[in-house]
């Protein structure tokens, strides 16, 4: 009986691992400028993860996801959306999140 329970438990664990969704990422690059004029990029950012940044100036969303840019860190505060293949000529943001 103990062997059967162990095998069932192993089978259930394997099934759960097989069906777990891997982290999905936006394909592409999000480019932005810092207040000092330095160009920064986020490459293939993970969907729905919050990235703290310091953006002030032009930003271009070259990903396949909407980029929601927030005025506060940790994706809090007011927000503006930069759609795929669009540019915001004067983005001021402290954090961003990529959504479908």
PDB file of N, CA and C in Angstrom:
ATOM      1  N   UNK A   1       0.822  -1.204   0.000  1.00  0.00           N
ATOM      2  CA  UNK A   1       0.000   0.000   0.000  1.00  0.00           C
ATOM      3  C   UNK A   1       0.860   1.260   0.000  1.00  0.00           C
ATOM      4  N   UNK A   2       1.933   1.282   0.754  1.00  0.00           N
ATOM      5  CA  UNK A   2       2.787   2.464   0.812  1.00  0.00           C
ATOM      6  C   UNK A   2       3.429   2.716  -0.551  1.00  0.00           C
ATOM      7  N   UNK A   3       3.867   1.674  -1.241  1.00  0.00           N
ATOM      8  CA  UNK A   3       4.445   1.864  -2.572  1.00  0.00           C
ATOM      9  C   UNK A   3       3.439   2.469  -3.527  1.00  0.00           C
ATOM     10  N   UNK A   4       2.204   2.015  -3.491  1.00  0.00           N
ATOM     11  CA  UNK A   4       1.179   2.535  -4.397  1.00  0.00           C
ATOM     12  C   UNK A   4       0.936   4.019  -4.141  1.00  0.00           C
ATOM     13  N   UNK A   5       0.858   4.416  -2.889  1.00  0.00           N
ATOM     14  CA  UNK A   5       0.647   5.823  -2.550  1.00  0.00           C
ATOM     15  C   UNK A   5       1.839   6.644  -3.041  1.00  0.00           C
ATOM     16  N   UNK A   6       3.045   6.148  -2.862  1.00  0.00           N
ATOM     17  CA  UNK A   6       4.232   6.861  -3.312  1.00  0.00           C
ATOM     18  C   UNK A   6       4.216   7.046  -4.819  1.00  0.00           C
ATOM     19  N   UNK A   7       3.852   5.994  -5.548  1.00  0.00           N
ATOM     20  CA  UNK A   7       3.809   6.097  -7.001  1.00  0.00           C
ATOM     21  C   UNK A   7       2.709   7.057  -7.456  1.00  0.00           C
ATOM     22  N   UNK A   8       1.576   7.032  -6.774  1.00  0.00           N
ATOM     23  CA  UNK A   8       0.497   7.962  -7.110  1.00  0.00           C
ATOM     24  C   UNK A   8       0.964   9.392  -6.837  1.00  0.00           C
ATOM     25  N   UNK A   9       1.613   9.613  -5.713  1.00  0.00           N
ATOM     26  CA  UNK A   9       2.124  10.948  -5.384  1.00  0.00           C
ATOM     27  C   UNK A   9       3.145  11.427  -6.399  1.00  0.00           C
ATOM     28  N   UNK A  10       4.026  10.549  -6.820  1.00  0.00           N
ATOM     29  CA  UNK A  10       5.018  10.913  -7.838  1.00  0.00           C
ATOM     30  C   UNK A  10       4.325  11.243  -9.156  1.00  0.00           C
ATOM     31  N   UNK A  11       3.314  10.452  -9.512  1.00  0.00           N
ATOM     32  CA  UNK A  11       2.574  10.700 -10.752  1.00  0.00           C
ATOM     33  C   UNK A  11       1.850  12.038 -10.719  1.00  0.00           C
ATOM     34  N   UNK A  12       1.252  12.362  -9.573  1.00  0.00           N
ATOM     35  CA  UNK A  12       0.561  13.652  -9.448  1.00  0.00           C
ATOM     36  C   UNK A  12       1.544  14.816  -9.525  1.00  0.00           C
ATOM     37  N   UNK A  13       2.676  14.670  -8.880  1.00  0.00           N
ATOM     38  CA  UNK A  13       3.691  15.727  -8.922  1.00  0.00           C
ATOM     39  C   UNK A  13       4.195  15.925 -10.346  1.00  0.00           C
ATOM     40  N   UNK A  14       4.423  14.851 -11.068  1.00  0.00           N
ATOM     41  CA  UNK A  14       4.882  14.956 -12.458  1.00  0.00           C
ATOM     42  C   UNK A  14       3.825  15.631 -13.328  1.00  0.00           C
ATOM     43  N   UNK A  15       2.563  15.290 -13.111  1.00  0.00           N
ATOM     44  CA  UNK A  15       1.489  15.900 -13.896  1.00  0.00           C
ATOM     45  C   UNK A  15       1.395  17.397 -13.624  1.00  0.00           C
ATOM     46  N   UNK A  16       1.554  17.799 -12.368  1.00  0.00           N
ATOM     47  CA  UNK A  16       1.516  19.222 -12.035  1.00  0.00           C
ATOM     48  C   UNK A  16       2.671  19.976 -12.672  1.00  0.00           C
ATOM     49  N   UNK A  17       3.853  19.400 -12.651  1.00  0.00           N
ATOM     50  CA  UNK A  17       5.004  20.049 -13.272  1.00  0.00           C
ATOM     51  C   UNK A  17       4.824  20.174 -14.775  1.00  0.00           C
ATOM     52  N   UNK A  18       4.244  19.169 -15.390  1.00  0.00           N
ATOM     53  CA  UNK A  18       4.061  19.184 -16.837  1.00  0.00           C
ATOM     54  C   UNK A  18       3.043  20.239 -17.263  1.00  0.00           C
ATOM     55  N   UNK A  19       2.073  20.532 -16.395  1.00  0.00           N
ATOM     56  CA  UNK A  19       1.037  21.495 -16.770  1.00  0.00           C
ATOM     57  C   UNK A  19       1.320  22.898 -16.260  1.00  0.00           C
ATOM     58  N   UNK A  20       2.374  23.088 -15.468  1.00  0.00           N
ATOM     59  CA  UNK A  20       2.703  24.425 -14.968  1.00  0.00           C
ATOM     60  C   UNK A  20       3.107  25.306 -16.138  1.00  0.00           C
ATOM     61  N   UNK A  21       2.540  26.483 -16.203  1.00  0.00           N
ATOM     62  CA  UNK A  21       2.835  27.400 -17.303  1.00  0.00           C
ATOM     63  C   UNK A  21       4.186  28.078 -17.075  1.00  0.00           C
ATOM     64  N   UNK A  22       5.037  28.075 -18.091  1.00  0.00           N
ATOM     65  CA  UNK A  22       6.303  28.779 -17.949  1.00  0.00           C
ATOM     66  C   UNK A  22       6.053  30.295 -17.972  1.00  0.00           C
ATOM     67  N   UNK A  23       6.999  31.050 -17.463  1.00  0.00           N
ATOM     68  CA  UNK A  23       6.871  32.510 -17.501  1.00  0.00           C
ATOM     69  C   UNK A  23       6.842  32.951 -18.959  1.00  0.00           C
ATOM     70  N   UNK A  24       5.865  33.754 -19.296  1.00  0.00           N
ATOM     71  CA  UNK A  24       5.719  34.242 -20.659  1.00  0.00           C
ATOM     72  C   UNK A  24       6.350  35.622 -20.735  1.00  0.00           C
ATOM     73  N   UNK A  25       7.068  35.868 -21.795  1.00  0.00           N
ATOM     74  CA  UNK A  25       7.741  37.155 -21.940  1.00  0.00           C
ATOM     75  C   UNK A  25       7.274  37.873 -23.188  1.00  0.00           C
ATOM     76  N   UNK A  26       7.297  39.178 -23.108  1.00  0.00           N
ATOM     77  CA  UNK A  26       7.068  39.992 -24.293  1.00  0.00           C
ATOM     78  C   UNK A  26       8.276  39.799 -25.211  1.00  0.00           C
ATOM     79  N   UNK A  27       8.034  39.690 -26.483  1.00  0.00           N
ATOM     80  CA  UNK A  27       9.136  39.548 -27.433  1.00  0.00           C
ATOM     81  C   UNK A  27       9.536  40.929 -27.923  1.00  0.00           C
ATOM     82  N   UNK A  28      10.771  41.290 -27.697  1.00  0.00           N
ATOM     83  CA  UNK A  28      11.264  42.563 -28.197  1.00  0.00           C
ATOM     84  C   UNK A  28      11.946  43.395 -27.137  1.00  0.00           C
ATOM     85  N   UNK A  29      12.102  44.670 -27.460  1.00  0.00           N
ATOM     86  CA  UNK A  29      12.862  45.598 -26.620  1.00  0.00           C
ATOM     87  C   UNK A  29      12.014  46.823 -26.286  1.00  0.00           C
ATOM     88  N   UNK A  30      12.086  47.241 -25.041  1.00  0.00           N
ATOM     89  CA  UNK A  30      11.519  48.516 -24.623  1.00  0.00           C
ATOM     90  C   UNK A  30      12.700  49.445 -24.387  1.00  0.00           C
ATOM     91  N   UNK A  31      12.735  50.559 -25.107  1.00  0.00           N
ATOM     92  CA  UNK A  31      13.844  51.505 -25.016  1.00  0.00           C
ATOM     93  C   UNK A  31      13.351  52.793 -24.358  1.00  0.00           C
ATOM     94  N   UNK A  32      14.160  53.337 -23.456  1.00  0.00           N
ATOM     95  CA  UNK A  32      13.799  54.594 -22.802  1.00  0.00           C
ATOM     96  C   UNK A  32      15.063  55.369 -22.446  1.00  0.00           C
ATOM     97  N   UNK A  33      14.880  56.639 -22.141  1.00  0.00           N
ATOM     98  CA  UNK A  33      15.985  57.500 -21.735  1.00  0.00           C
ATOM     99  C   UNK A  33      15.873  57.826 -20.260  1.00  0.00           C
ATOM    100  N   UNK A  34      17.007  57.891 -19.590  1.00  0.00           N
ATOM    101  CA  UNK A  34      17.046  58.295 -18.185  1.00  0.00           C
ATOM    102  C   UNK A  34      17.074  59.823 -18.116  1.00  0.00           C
ATOM    103  N   UNK A  35      16.878  60.398 -16.932  1.00  0.00           N
ATOM    104  CA  UNK A  35      16.962  61.859 -16.814  1.00  0.00           C
ATOM    105  C   UNK A  35      18.312  62.423 -17.263  1.00  0.00           C
ATOM    106  N   UNK A  36      19.369  61.606 -17.215  1.00  0.00           N
ATOM    107  CA  UNK A  36      20.699  62.036 -17.655  1.00  0.00           C
ATOM    108  C   UNK A  36      20.902  61.861 -19.155  1.00  0.00           C
ATOM    109  N   UNK A  37      19.864  61.371 -19.861  1.00  0.00           N
ATOM    110  CA  UNK A  37      19.972  61.174 -21.302  1.00  0.00           C
ATOM    111  C   UNK A  37      20.606  59.861 -21.722  1.00  0.00           C
ATOM    112  N   UNK A  38      20.786  58.957 -20.778  1.00  0.00           N
ATOM    113  CA  UNK A  38      21.370  57.653 -21.086  1.00  0.00           C
ATOM    114  C   UNK A  38      20.289  56.731 -21.631  1.00  0.00           C
ATOM    115  N   UNK A  39      20.570  56.063 -22.739  1.00  0.00           N
ATOM    116  CA  UNK A  39      19.619  55.115 -23.326  1.00  0.00           C
ATOM    117  C   UNK A  39      19.679  53.790 -22.561  1.00  0.00           C
ATOM    118  N   UNK A  40      18.522  53.299 -22.145  1.00  0.00           N
ATOM    119  CA  UNK A  40      18.406  52.026 -21.432  1.00  0.00           C
ATOM    120  C   UNK A  40      17.423  51.137 -22.182  1.00  0.00           C
ATOM    121  N   UNK A  41      17.525  49.820 -21.994  1.00  0.00           N
ATOM    122  CA  UNK A  41      16.607  48.887 -22.644  1.00  0.00           C
ATOM    123  C   UNK A  41      16.188  47.781 -21.687  1.00  0.00           C
ATOM    124  N   UNK A  42      15.001  47.258 -21.929  1.00  0.00           N
ATOM    125  CA  UNK A  42      14.529  46.031 -21.294  1.00  0.00           C
ATOM    126  C   UNK A  42      14.313  45.053 -22.439  1.00  0.00           C
ATOM    127  N   UNK A  43      14.984  43.916 -22.418  1.00  0.00           N
ATOM    128  CA  UNK A  43      14.909  42.918 -23.477  1.00  0.00           C
ATOM    129  C   UNK A  43      14.003  41.766 -23.057  1.00  0.00           C
ATOM    130  N   UNK A  44      12.990  41.481 -23.863  1.00  0.00           N
ATOM    131  CA  UNK A  44      12.052  40.381 -23.617  1.00  0.00           C
ATOM    132  C   UNK A  44      11.554  40.350 -22.167  1.00  0.00           C
ATOM    133  N   UNK A  45      10.956  41.442 -21.688  1.00  0.00           N
ATOM    134  CA  UNK A  45      10.501  41.485 -20.290  1.00  0.00           C
ATOM    135  C   UNK A  45       9.354  40.504 -20.031  1.00  0.00           C
ATOM    136  N   UNK A  46       9.312  39.966 -18.844  1.00  0.00           N
ATOM    137  CA  UNK A  46       8.292  39.006 -18.441  1.00  0.00           C
ATOM    138  C   UNK A  46       6.932  39.689 -18.321  1.00  0.00           C
ATOM    139  N   UNK A  47       5.899  39.032 -18.858  1.00  0.00           N
ATOM    140  CA  UNK A  47       4.538  39.562 -18.759  1.00  0.00           C
ATOM    141  C   UNK A  47       4.148  39.776 -17.294  1.00  0.00           C
ATOM    142  N   UNK A  48       3.520  40.898 -17.031  1.00  0.00           N
ATOM    143  CA  UNK A  48       2.919  41.271 -15.744  1.00  0.00           C
ATOM    144  C   UNK A  48       3.929  41.497 -14.626  1.00  0.00           C
ATOM    145  N   UNK A  49       5.227  41.349 -14.894  1.00  0.00           N
ATOM    146  CA  UNK A  49       6.233  41.687 -13.882  1.00  0.00           C
ATOM    147  C   UNK A  49       6.388  43.199 -13.857  1.00  0.00           C
ATOM    148  N   UNK A  50       6.679  43.745 -12.705  1.00  0.00           N
ATOM    149  CA  UNK A  50       6.884  45.176 -12.567  1.00  0.00           C
ATOM    150  C   UNK A  50       8.387  45.456 -12.574  1.00  0.00           C
ATOM    151  N   UNK A  51       8.798  46.391 -13.421  1.00  0.00           N
ATOM    152  CA  UNK A  51      10.202  46.782 -13.524  1.00  0.00           C
ATOM    153  C   UNK A  51      10.337  48.230 -13.069  1.00  0.00           C
ATOM    154  N   UNK A  52      11.127  48.453 -12.023  1.00  0.00           N
ATOM    155  CA  UNK A  52      11.391  49.816 -11.582  1.00  0.00           C
ATOM    156  C   UNK A  52      12.455  50.416 -12.493  1.00  0.00           C
ATOM    157  N   UNK A  53      12.141  51.585 -13.059  1.00  0.00           N
ATOM    158  CA  UNK A  53      13.042  52.270 -13.977  1.00  0.00           C
ATOM    159  C   UNK A  53      13.060  53.743 -13.600  1.00  0.00           C
ATOM    160  N   UNK A  54      13.883  54.513 -14.279  1.00  0.00           N
ATOM    161  CA  UNK A  54      13.890  55.961 -14.107  1.00  0.00           C
ATOM    162  C   UNK A  54      13.913  56.559 -15.502  1.00  0.00           C
ATOM    163  N   UNK A  55      12.734  56.762 -16.077  1.00  0.00           N
ATOM    164  CA  UNK A  55      12.611  57.240 -17.447  1.00  0.00           C
ATOM    165  C   UNK A  55      12.173  58.697 -17.471  1.00  0.00           C
ATOM    166  N   UNK A  56      12.828  59.457 -18.346  1.00  0.00           N
ATOM    167  CA  UNK A  56      12.448  60.842 -18.559  1.00  0.00           C
ATOM    168  C   UNK A  56      12.926  61.237 -19.953  1.00  0.00           C
ATOM    169  N   UNK A  57      11.994  61.240 -20.882  1.00  0.00           N
ATOM    170  CA  UNK A  57      12.346  61.544 -22.270  1.00  0.00           C
ATOM    171  C   UNK A  57      11.703  60.545 -23.210  1.00  0.00           C
ATOM    172  N   UNK A  58      12.258  60.388 -24.399  1.00  0.00           N
ATOM    173  CA  UNK A  58      11.646  59.493 -25.378  1.00  0.00           C
ATOM    174  C   UNK A  58      11.716  58.028 -24.949  1.00  0.00           C
ATOM    175  N   UNK A  59      10.638  57.297 -25.251  1.00  0.00           N
ATOM    176  CA  UNK A  59      10.575  55.859 -24.993  1.00  0.00           C
ATOM    177  C   UNK A  59       9.891  55.202 -26.184  1.00  0.00           C
ATOM    178  N   UNK A  60      10.402  54.048 -26.591  1.00  0.00           N
ATOM    179  CA  UNK A  60       9.834  53.316 -27.720  1.00  0.00           C
ATOM    180  C   UNK A  60       9.557  51.886 -27.292  1.00  0.00           C
ATOM    181  N   UNK A  61       8.331  51.445 -27.552  1.00  0.00           N
ATOM    182  CA  UNK A  61       7.925  50.078 -27.228  1.00  0.00           C
ATOM    183  C   UNK A  61       8.063  49.220 -28.476  1.00  0.00           C
ATOM    184  N   UNK A  62       9.134  48.465 -28.547  1.00  0.00           N
ATOM    185  CA  UNK A  62       9.366  47.559 -29.674  1.00  0.00           C
ATOM    186  C   UNK A  62       9.073  46.111 -29.272  1.00  0.00           C
ATOM    187  N   UNK A  63       8.130  45.948 -28.325  1.00  0.00           N
ATOM    188  CA  UNK A  63       7.707  44.611 -27.922  1.00  0.00           C
ATOM    189  C   UNK A  63       6.348  44.306 -28.546  1.00  0.00           C
ATOM    190  N   UNK A  64       5.878  43.088 -28.315  1.00  0.00           N
ATOM    191  CA  UNK A  64       4.549  42.707 -28.807  1.00  0.00           C
ATOM    192  C   UNK A  64       3.488  42.813 -27.710  1.00  0.00           C
ATOM    193  N   UNK A  65       3.758  43.585 -26.678  1.00  0.00           N
ATOM    194  CA  UNK A  65       2.831  43.791 -25.571  1.00  0.00           C
ATOM    195  C   UNK A  65       2.631  45.280 -25.335  1.00  0.00           C
ATOM    196  N   UNK A  66       1.490  45.640 -24.730  1.00  0.00           N
ATOM    197  CA  UNK A  66       1.312  47.002 -24.252  1.00  0.00           C
ATOM    198  C   UNK A  66       2.263  47.222 -23.082  1.00  0.00           C
ATOM    199  N   UNK A  67       2.827  48.405 -23.007  1.00  0.00           N
ATOM    200  CA  UNK A  67       3.662  48.790 -21.877  1.00  0.00           C
ATOM    201  C   UNK A  67       2.878  49.809 -21.067  1.00  0.00           C
ATOM    202  N   UNK A  68       2.609  49.497 -19.813  1.00  0.00           N
ATOM    203  CA  UNK A  68       1.942  50.437 -18.924  1.00  0.00           C
ATOM    204  C   UNK A  68       3.035  51.064 -18.065  1.00  0.00           C
ATOM    205  N   UNK A  69       3.200  52.376 -18.212  1.00  0.00           N
ATOM    206  CA  UNK A  69       4.231  53.109 -17.481  1.00  0.00           C
ATOM    207  C   UNK A  69       3.575  53.860 -16.324  1.00  0.00           C
ATOM    208  N   UNK A  70       4.161  53.750 -15.145  1.00  0.00           N
ATOM    209  CA  UNK A  70       3.601  54.330 -13.920  1.00  0.00           C
ATOM    210  C   UNK A  70       4.471  55.473 -13.399  1.00  0.00           C
ATOM    211  N   UNK A  71       3.830  56.436 -12.761  1.00  0.00           N
ATOM    212  CA  UNK A  71       4.554  57.570 -12.195  1.00  0.00           C
ATOM    213  C   UNK A  71       5.297  57.211 -10.914  1.00  0.00           C
ATOM    214  N   UNK A  72       4.891  56.134 -10.246  1.00  0.00           N
ATOM    215  CA  UNK A  72       5.543  55.703  -9.014  1.00  0.00           C
ATOM    216  C   UNK A  72       6.273  54.389  -9.178  1.00  0.00           C
ATOM    217  N   UNK A  73       7.125  54.085  -8.242  1.00  0.00           N
ATOM    218  CA  UNK A  73       7.800  52.794  -8.233  1.00  0.00           C
ATOM    219  C   UNK A  73       6.809  51.688  -7.897  1.00  0.00           C
ATOM    220  N   UNK A  74       7.203  50.466  -8.205  1.00  0.00           N
ATOM    221  CA  UNK A  74       6.414  49.267  -7.918  1.00  0.00           C
ATOM    222  C   UNK A  74       5.048  49.289  -8.604  1.00  0.00           C
ATOM    223  N   UNK A  75       5.009  49.922  -9.781  1.00  0.00           N
ATOM    224  CA  UNK A  75       3.789  49.979 -10.607  1.00  0.00           C
ATOM    225  C   UNK A  75       2.606  50.579  -9.859  1.00  0.00           C
ATOM    226  N   UNK A  76       2.874  51.700  -9.210  1.00  0.00           N
ATOM    227  CA  UNK A  76       1.835  52.439  -8.499  1.00  0.00           C
ATOM    228  C   UNK A  76       1.775  53.863  -9.035  1.00  0.00           C
ATOM    229  N   UNK A  77       0.647  54.510  -8.825  1.00  0.00           N
ATOM    230  CA  UNK A  77       0.476  55.890  -9.245  1.00  0.00           C
ATOM    231  C   UNK A  77      -0.227  55.972 -10.589  1.00  0.00           C
ATOM    232  N   UNK A  78      -0.201  57.155 -11.158  1.00  0.00           N
ATOM    233  CA  UNK A  78      -0.812  57.365 -12.464  1.00  0.00           C
ATOM    234  C   UNK A  78      -0.104  56.551 -13.531  1.00  0.00           C
ATOM    235  N   UNK A  79      -0.812  56.307 -14.625  1.00  0.00           N
ATOM    236  CA  UNK A  79      -0.198  55.486 -15.663  1.00  0.00           C
ATOM    237  C   UNK A  79      -0.562  55.963 -17.054  1.00  0.00           C
ATOM    238  N   UNK A  80       0.262  55.573 -17.998  1.00  0.00           N
ATOM    239  CA  UNK A  80       0.036  55.818 -19.413  1.00  0.00           C
ATOM    240  C   UNK A  80       0.468  54.550 -20.152  1.00  0.00           C
ATOM    241  N   UNK A  81      -0.236  54.221 -21.233  1.00  0.00           N
ATOM    242  CA  UNK A  81       0.078  53.019 -21.998  1.00  0.00           C
ATOM    243  C   UNK A  81       0.793  53.382 -23.288  1.00  0.00           C
ATOM    244  N   UNK A  82       1.867  52.662 -23.568  1.00  0.00           N
ATOM    245  CA  UNK A  82       2.576  52.780 -24.832  1.00  0.00           C
ATOM    246  C   UNK A  82       2.352  51.457 -25.560  1.00  0.00           C
ATOM    247  N   UNK A  83       1.636  51.521 -26.667  1.00  0.00           N
ATOM    248  CA  UNK A  83       1.275  50.314 -27.413  1.00  0.00           C
ATOM    249  C   UNK A  83       2.471  49.781 -28.204  1.00  0.00           C
ATOM    250  N   UNK A  84       2.396  48.509 -28.628  1.00  0.00           N
ATOM    251  CA  UNK A  84       3.488  47.935 -29.432  1.00  0.00           C
ATOM    252  C   UNK A  84       3.808  48.813 -30.646  1.00  0.00           C
ATOM    253  N   UNK A  85       5.095  48.971 -30.893  1.00  0.00           N
ATOM    254  CA  UNK A  85       5.613  49.733 -32.034  1.00  0.00           C
ATOM    255  C   UNK A  85       5.198  51.197 -32.021  1.00  0.00           C
ATOM    256  N   UNK A  86       4.977  51.727 -30.814  1.00  0.00           N
ATOM    257  CA  UNK A  86       4.693  53.147 -30.667  1.00  0.00           C
ATOM    258  C   UNK A  86       5.781  53.807 -29.836  1.00  0.00           C
ATOM    259  N   UNK A  87       5.879  55.116 -29.983  1.00  0.00           N
ATOM    260  CA  UNK A  87       6.836  55.895 -29.216  1.00  0.00           C
ATOM    261  C   UNK A  87       6.092  56.946 -28.399  1.00  0.00           C
ATOM    262  N   UNK A  88       6.575  57.192 -27.200  1.00  0.00           N
ATOM    263  CA  UNK A  88       6.125  58.306 -26.398  1.00  0.00           C
ATOM    264  C   UNK A  88       7.305  59.271 -26.360  1.00  0.00           C
ATOM    265  N   UNK A  89       7.163  60.464 -26.936  1.00  0.00           N
ATOM    266  CA  UNK A  89       8.309  61.363 -27.050  1.00  0.00           C
ATOM    267  C   UNK A  89       8.791  61.953 -25.728  1.00  0.00           C
ATOM    268  N   UNK A  90       7.969  61.896 -24.692  1.00  0.00           N
ATOM    269  CA  UNK A  90       8.355  62.502 -23.417  1.00  0.00           C
ATOM    270  C   UNK A  90       7.780  61.707 -22.259  1.00  0.00           C
ATOM    271  N   UNK A  91       8.229  60.485 -22.105  1.00  0.00           N
ATOM    272  CA  UNK A  91       7.726  59.610 -21.045  1.00  0.00           C
ATOM    273  C   UNK A  91       8.455  59.884 -19.737  1.00  0.00           C
ATOM    274  N   UNK A  92       7.682  60.111 -18.693  1.00  0.00           N
ATOM    275  CA  UNK A  92       8.233  60.203 -17.343  1.00  0.00           C
ATOM    276  C   UNK A  92       7.625  59.053 -16.562  1.00  0.00           C
ATOM    277  N   UNK A  93       8.471  58.111 -16.151  1.00  0.00           N
ATOM    278  CA  UNK A  93       7.973  56.912 -15.457  1.00  0.00           C
ATOM    279  C   UNK A  93       9.006  56.405 -14.471  1.00  0.00           C
ATOM    280  N   UNK A  94       8.501  55.831 -13.379  1.00  0.00           N
ATOM    281  CA  UNK A  94       9.368  55.208 -12.371  1.00  0.00           C
ATOM    282  C   UNK A  94       9.263  53.691 -12.386  1.00  0.00           C
ATOM    283  N   UNK A  95       8.267  53.165 -13.147  1.00  0.00           N
ATOM    284  CA  UNK A  95       8.138  51.719 -13.271  1.00  0.00           C
ATOM    285  C   UNK A  95       7.264  51.390 -14.479  1.00  0.00           C
ATOM    286  N   UNK A  96       7.413  50.164 -14.980  1.00  0.00           N
ATOM    287  CA  UNK A  96       6.623  49.704 -16.139  1.00  0.00           C
ATOM    288  C   UNK A  96       6.213  48.251 -15.944  1.00  0.00           C
ATOM    289  N   UNK A  97       5.114  47.897 -16.639  1.00  0.00           N
ATOM    290  CA  UNK A  97       4.606  46.529 -16.647  1.00  0.00           C
ATOM    291  C   UNK A  97       4.159  46.231 -18.071  1.00  0.00           C
ATOM    292  N   UNK A  98       4.374  45.016 -18.545  1.00  0.00           N
ATOM    293  CA  UNK A  98       4.027  44.612 -19.902  1.00  0.00           C
ATOM    294  C   UNK A  98       2.823  43.678 -19.835  1.00  0.00           C
ATOM    295  N   UNK A  99       1.783  44.030 -20.593  1.00  0.00           N
ATOM    296  CA  UNK A  99       0.527  43.273 -20.526  1.00  0.00           C
ATOM    297  C   UNK A  99       0.052  42.897 -21.914  1.00  0.00           C
ATOM    298  N   UNK A 100      -0.794  41.881 -21.945  1.00  0.00           N
ATOM    299  CA  UNK A 100      -1.380  41.446 -23.213  1.00  0.00           C
ATOM    300  C   UNK A 100      -2.602  42.252 -23.533  1.00  0.00           C
TER     301      UNK A 100
END
